[in-house]
């Protein structure tokens, strides 16, 4: 009788894993504070991502919206390429 090779065996996922056996010496939640401080992910719809391909473009657009709507005064200056800057005649 032929034995099944390891490729033919079906691996069933366990309902619960013991982290101590998987990561001996690991510390749970080691980076949780750093994660909470620096994570602010927002997923853009594809059409918006095409219109604003960089982080700088998104931030400048949102600062302009804030300025025009009076939500808050932006803390950074909008780049020189912005149409809201006055040009000398």
N, C-alpha and C. Protein backbone atom coordinates (compact mmCIF):
# COMPACT_ATOMS: atom_id res chain seq x y z
N UNK A 1 0.84 -1.18 0.00
CA UNK A 1 0.00 0.00 0.00
C UNK A 1 0.88 1.24 0.00
N UNK A 2 0.54 2.19 -0.87
CA UNK A 2 1.35 3.40 -1.04
C UNK A 2 0.89 4.47 -0.04
N UNK A 3 1.87 5.11 0.62
CA UNK A 3 1.55 6.19 1.56
C UNK A 3 1.35 7.49 0.80
N UNK A 4 0.51 8.37 1.36
CA UNK A 4 0.28 9.67 0.74
C UNK A 4 1.51 10.55 0.98
N UNK A 5 1.88 11.31 -0.05
CA UNK A 5 2.99 12.25 0.11
C UNK A 5 2.50 13.46 0.91
N UNK A 6 3.43 14.25 1.39
CA UNK A 6 3.05 15.41 2.19
C UNK A 6 2.26 16.42 1.37
N UNK A 7 2.45 16.44 0.05
CA UNK A 7 1.70 17.36 -0.80
C UNK A 7 0.25 16.95 -0.92
N UNK A 8 -0.04 15.66 -0.76
CA UNK A 8 -1.41 15.17 -0.88
C UNK A 8 -2.20 15.30 0.42
N UNK A 9 -1.51 15.49 1.54
CA UNK A 9 -2.20 15.61 2.81
C UNK A 9 -2.93 16.95 2.89
N UNK A 10 -4.09 16.93 3.46
CA UNK A 10 -4.87 18.14 3.62
C UNK A 10 -4.63 18.69 5.01
N UNK A 11 -4.21 19.94 5.07
CA UNK A 11 -3.96 20.58 6.36
C UNK A 11 -5.21 21.33 6.79
N UNK A 12 -5.77 20.93 7.87
CA UNK A 12 -6.93 21.61 8.42
C UNK A 12 -6.47 22.71 9.37
N UNK A 13 -7.03 23.91 9.25
CA UNK A 13 -6.65 24.96 10.19
C UNK A 13 -7.15 24.64 11.60
N UNK A 14 -6.35 24.98 12.56
CA UNK A 14 -6.75 24.75 13.94
C UNK A 14 -7.73 25.81 14.36
N UNK A 15 -8.59 25.49 15.29
CA UNK A 15 -9.54 26.47 15.79
C UNK A 15 -8.87 27.45 16.74
N UNK A 16 -7.77 27.04 17.32
CA UNK A 16 -7.05 27.91 18.26
C UNK A 16 -5.57 27.57 18.19
N UNK A 17 -4.73 28.60 18.24
CA UNK A 17 -3.29 28.41 18.18
C UNK A 17 -2.66 28.84 19.50
N UNK A 18 -1.62 28.15 19.90
CA UNK A 18 -0.87 28.52 21.09
C UNK A 18 0.29 29.40 20.65
N UNK A 19 0.21 30.71 20.95
CA UNK A 19 1.23 31.64 20.50
C UNK A 19 2.59 31.37 21.13
N UNK A 20 2.59 30.84 22.33
CA UNK A 20 3.86 30.56 22.99
C UNK A 20 4.66 29.50 22.24
N UNK A 21 3.98 28.54 21.65
CA UNK A 21 4.70 27.52 20.89
C UNK A 21 5.11 28.04 19.51
N UNK A 22 4.33 28.98 18.96
CA UNK A 22 4.66 29.54 17.65
C UNK A 22 5.77 30.59 17.73
N UNK A 23 5.73 31.42 18.77
CA UNK A 23 6.70 32.50 18.95
C UNK A 23 7.29 32.44 20.35
N UNK A 24 8.19 31.52 20.59
CA UNK A 24 8.75 31.43 21.93
C UNK A 24 9.52 32.71 22.27
N UNK A 25 9.25 33.28 23.42
CA UNK A 25 9.91 34.52 23.85
C UNK A 25 9.27 35.77 23.30
N UNK A 26 8.20 35.64 22.55
CA UNK A 26 7.53 36.80 21.97
C UNK A 26 6.70 37.54 23.01
N UNK A 27 6.49 38.82 22.77
CA UNK A 27 5.72 39.65 23.69
C UNK A 27 4.48 40.13 22.95
N UNK A 28 3.31 39.82 23.49
CA UNK A 28 2.07 40.23 22.86
C UNK A 28 1.85 41.73 23.09
N UNK A 29 1.49 42.45 22.04
CA UNK A 29 1.20 43.87 22.15
C UNK A 29 2.44 44.74 22.26
N UNK A 30 3.58 44.26 21.84
CA UNK A 30 4.85 44.97 21.99
C UNK A 30 4.83 46.32 21.29
N UNK A 31 4.21 46.41 20.14
CA UNK A 31 4.22 47.64 19.35
C UNK A 31 2.85 48.32 19.28
N UNK A 32 1.94 47.96 20.14
CA UNK A 32 0.57 48.47 20.03
C UNK A 32 0.50 49.99 20.22
N UNK A 33 1.27 50.54 21.13
CA UNK A 33 1.23 51.99 21.34
C UNK A 33 1.79 52.73 20.14
N UNK A 34 2.89 52.25 19.59
CA UNK A 34 3.47 52.87 18.40
C UNK A 34 2.48 52.80 17.23
N UNK A 35 1.81 51.68 17.12
CA UNK A 35 0.81 51.50 16.07
C UNK A 35 -0.33 52.50 16.21
N UNK A 36 -0.84 52.64 17.42
CA UNK A 36 -1.97 53.55 17.65
C UNK A 36 -1.59 55.01 17.40
N UNK A 37 -0.37 55.40 17.71
CA UNK A 37 0.07 56.77 17.53
C UNK A 37 0.24 57.14 16.06
N UNK A 38 0.76 56.22 15.26
CA UNK A 38 1.14 56.57 13.91
C UNK A 38 0.29 56.04 12.79
N UNK A 39 -0.80 55.40 13.08
CA UNK A 39 -1.60 54.81 12.02
C UNK A 39 -2.85 55.62 11.78
N UNK A 40 -2.99 56.05 10.54
CA UNK A 40 -4.19 56.77 10.13
C UNK A 40 -4.40 56.46 8.66
N UNK A 41 -4.81 55.25 8.37
CA UNK A 41 -5.00 54.83 7.00
C UNK A 41 -6.42 55.11 6.54
N UNK A 42 -6.50 55.63 5.34
CA UNK A 42 -7.80 55.88 4.72
C UNK A 42 -7.70 55.33 3.31
N UNK A 43 -8.60 54.46 2.94
CA UNK A 43 -8.59 53.90 1.59
C UNK A 43 -9.40 54.79 0.66
N UNK A 44 -8.78 55.15 -0.45
CA UNK A 44 -9.43 56.00 -1.43
C UNK A 44 -10.08 55.15 -2.51
N UNK A 45 -11.17 55.63 -3.04
CA UNK A 45 -11.79 54.98 -4.19
C UNK A 45 -10.84 55.13 -5.38
N UNK A 46 -10.88 54.21 -6.35
CA UNK A 46 -9.94 54.26 -7.47
C UNK A 46 -9.94 55.57 -8.24
N UNK A 47 -11.10 56.17 -8.47
CA UNK A 47 -11.13 57.43 -9.22
C UNK A 47 -10.47 58.57 -8.45
N UNK A 48 -10.63 58.57 -7.14
CA UNK A 48 -9.99 59.59 -6.30
C UNK A 48 -8.48 59.37 -6.28
N UNK A 49 -8.06 58.12 -6.18
CA UNK A 49 -6.63 57.81 -6.17
C UNK A 49 -5.96 58.22 -7.48
N UNK A 50 -6.67 58.10 -8.59
CA UNK A 50 -6.09 58.54 -9.87
C UNK A 50 -5.95 60.06 -9.91
N UNK A 51 -6.90 60.77 -9.34
CA UNK A 51 -6.86 62.23 -9.36
C UNK A 51 -5.80 62.78 -8.40
N UNK A 52 -5.55 62.06 -7.30
CA UNK A 52 -4.59 62.49 -6.29
C UNK A 52 -3.61 61.34 -6.04
N UNK A 53 -2.60 61.18 -6.90
CA UNK A 53 -1.73 60.00 -6.84
C UNK A 53 -0.71 59.99 -5.71
N UNK A 54 -0.47 61.13 -5.06
CA UNK A 54 0.54 61.16 -4.01
C UNK A 54 -0.06 61.65 -2.70
N UNK A 55 0.65 61.37 -1.63
CA UNK A 55 0.24 61.83 -0.30
C UNK A 55 0.19 63.36 -0.27
N UNK A 56 1.16 64.00 -0.90
CA UNK A 56 1.21 65.46 -0.93
C UNK A 56 0.00 66.04 -1.65
N UNK A 57 -0.40 65.42 -2.75
CA UNK A 57 -1.55 65.90 -3.51
C UNK A 57 -2.84 65.80 -2.69
N UNK A 58 -3.00 64.70 -1.98
CA UNK A 58 -4.19 64.53 -1.14
C UNK A 58 -4.19 65.56 -0.01
N UNK A 59 -3.05 65.72 0.66
CA UNK A 59 -2.98 66.66 1.76
C UNK A 59 -3.22 68.10 1.31
N UNK A 60 -2.64 68.50 0.17
CA UNK A 60 -2.86 69.86 -0.33
C UNK A 60 -4.33 70.09 -0.68
N UNK A 61 -4.97 69.11 -1.29
CA UNK A 61 -6.38 69.25 -1.65
C UNK A 61 -7.24 69.39 -0.40
N UNK A 62 -6.96 68.57 0.61
CA UNK A 62 -7.75 68.64 1.83
C UNK A 62 -7.51 69.95 2.59
N UNK A 63 -6.27 70.44 2.58
CA UNK A 63 -5.99 71.73 3.22
C UNK A 63 -6.75 72.86 2.52
N UNK A 64 -6.83 72.78 1.20
CA UNK A 64 -7.57 73.79 0.45
C UNK A 64 -9.06 73.73 0.79
N UNK A 65 -9.60 72.53 0.88
CA UNK A 65 -11.01 72.37 1.26
C UNK A 65 -11.24 72.95 2.66
N UNK A 66 -10.33 72.67 3.57
CA UNK A 66 -10.45 73.20 4.94
C UNK A 66 -10.42 74.73 4.93
N UNK A 67 -9.51 75.29 4.14
CA UNK A 67 -9.38 76.74 4.08
C UNK A 67 -10.63 77.38 3.49
N UNK A 68 -11.13 76.81 2.41
CA UNK A 68 -12.30 77.38 1.74
C UNK A 68 -13.58 77.22 2.56
N UNK A 69 -13.68 76.14 3.30
CA UNK A 69 -14.90 75.90 4.06
C UNK A 69 -14.86 76.52 5.45
N UNK A 70 -13.68 76.95 5.87
CA UNK A 70 -13.55 77.55 7.19
C UNK A 70 -13.56 76.53 8.31
N UNK A 71 -13.30 75.26 8.00
CA UNK A 71 -13.27 74.21 9.02
C UNK A 71 -12.19 74.50 10.03
N UNK A 72 -11.00 74.74 9.55
CA UNK A 72 -9.87 75.04 10.42
C UNK A 72 -8.80 75.70 9.59
N UNK A 73 -7.96 76.45 10.25
CA UNK A 73 -6.86 77.09 9.55
C UNK A 73 -5.76 76.06 9.35
N UNK A 74 -5.32 75.85 8.10
CA UNK A 74 -4.27 74.85 7.88
C UNK A 74 -2.97 75.25 8.56
N UNK A 75 -2.27 74.25 9.09
CA UNK A 75 -1.03 74.52 9.80
C UNK A 75 0.16 74.59 8.86
N UNK A 76 0.01 74.09 7.65
CA UNK A 76 1.09 74.12 6.67
C UNK A 76 0.69 74.98 5.49
N UNK A 77 1.68 75.54 4.83
CA UNK A 77 1.43 76.38 3.66
C UNK A 77 1.24 75.48 2.45
N UNK A 78 0.24 75.81 1.64
CA UNK A 78 0.00 75.06 0.41
C UNK A 78 1.12 75.35 -0.56
N UNK A 79 1.54 74.38 -1.33
CA UNK A 79 2.70 74.51 -2.21
C UNK A 79 2.52 75.64 -3.22
N UNK A 80 3.63 76.09 -3.79
CA UNK A 80 3.64 77.22 -4.73
C UNK A 80 2.85 76.93 -5.99
N UNK A 81 2.66 75.67 -6.33
CA UNK A 81 1.91 75.32 -7.54
C UNK A 81 0.40 75.43 -7.33
N UNK A 82 -0.01 75.76 -6.13
CA UNK A 82 -1.43 75.87 -5.83
C UNK A 82 -2.03 77.09 -6.49
N UNK A 83 -3.25 77.02 -7.04
CA UNK A 83 -3.88 78.15 -7.69
C UNK A 83 -4.31 79.23 -6.71
N UNK A 84 -4.31 78.96 -5.42
CA UNK A 84 -4.77 79.94 -4.46
C UNK A 84 -3.70 80.97 -4.10
N UNK A 85 -2.45 80.75 -4.52
CA UNK A 85 -1.38 81.70 -4.25
C UNK A 85 -1.52 82.89 -5.20
N UNK A 86 -1.29 84.11 -4.69
CA UNK A 86 -1.32 85.30 -5.53
C UNK A 86 -0.01 85.42 -6.27
N UNK A 87 -0.08 85.83 -7.51
CA UNK A 87 1.12 86.01 -8.32
C UNK A 87 1.31 87.49 -8.59
N UNK A 88 2.58 87.90 -8.61
CA UNK A 88 2.91 89.31 -8.89
C UNK A 88 2.64 89.62 -10.35
N UNK A 89 2.09 90.81 -10.62
CA UNK A 89 1.75 91.17 -11.99
C UNK A 89 2.87 91.87 -12.68
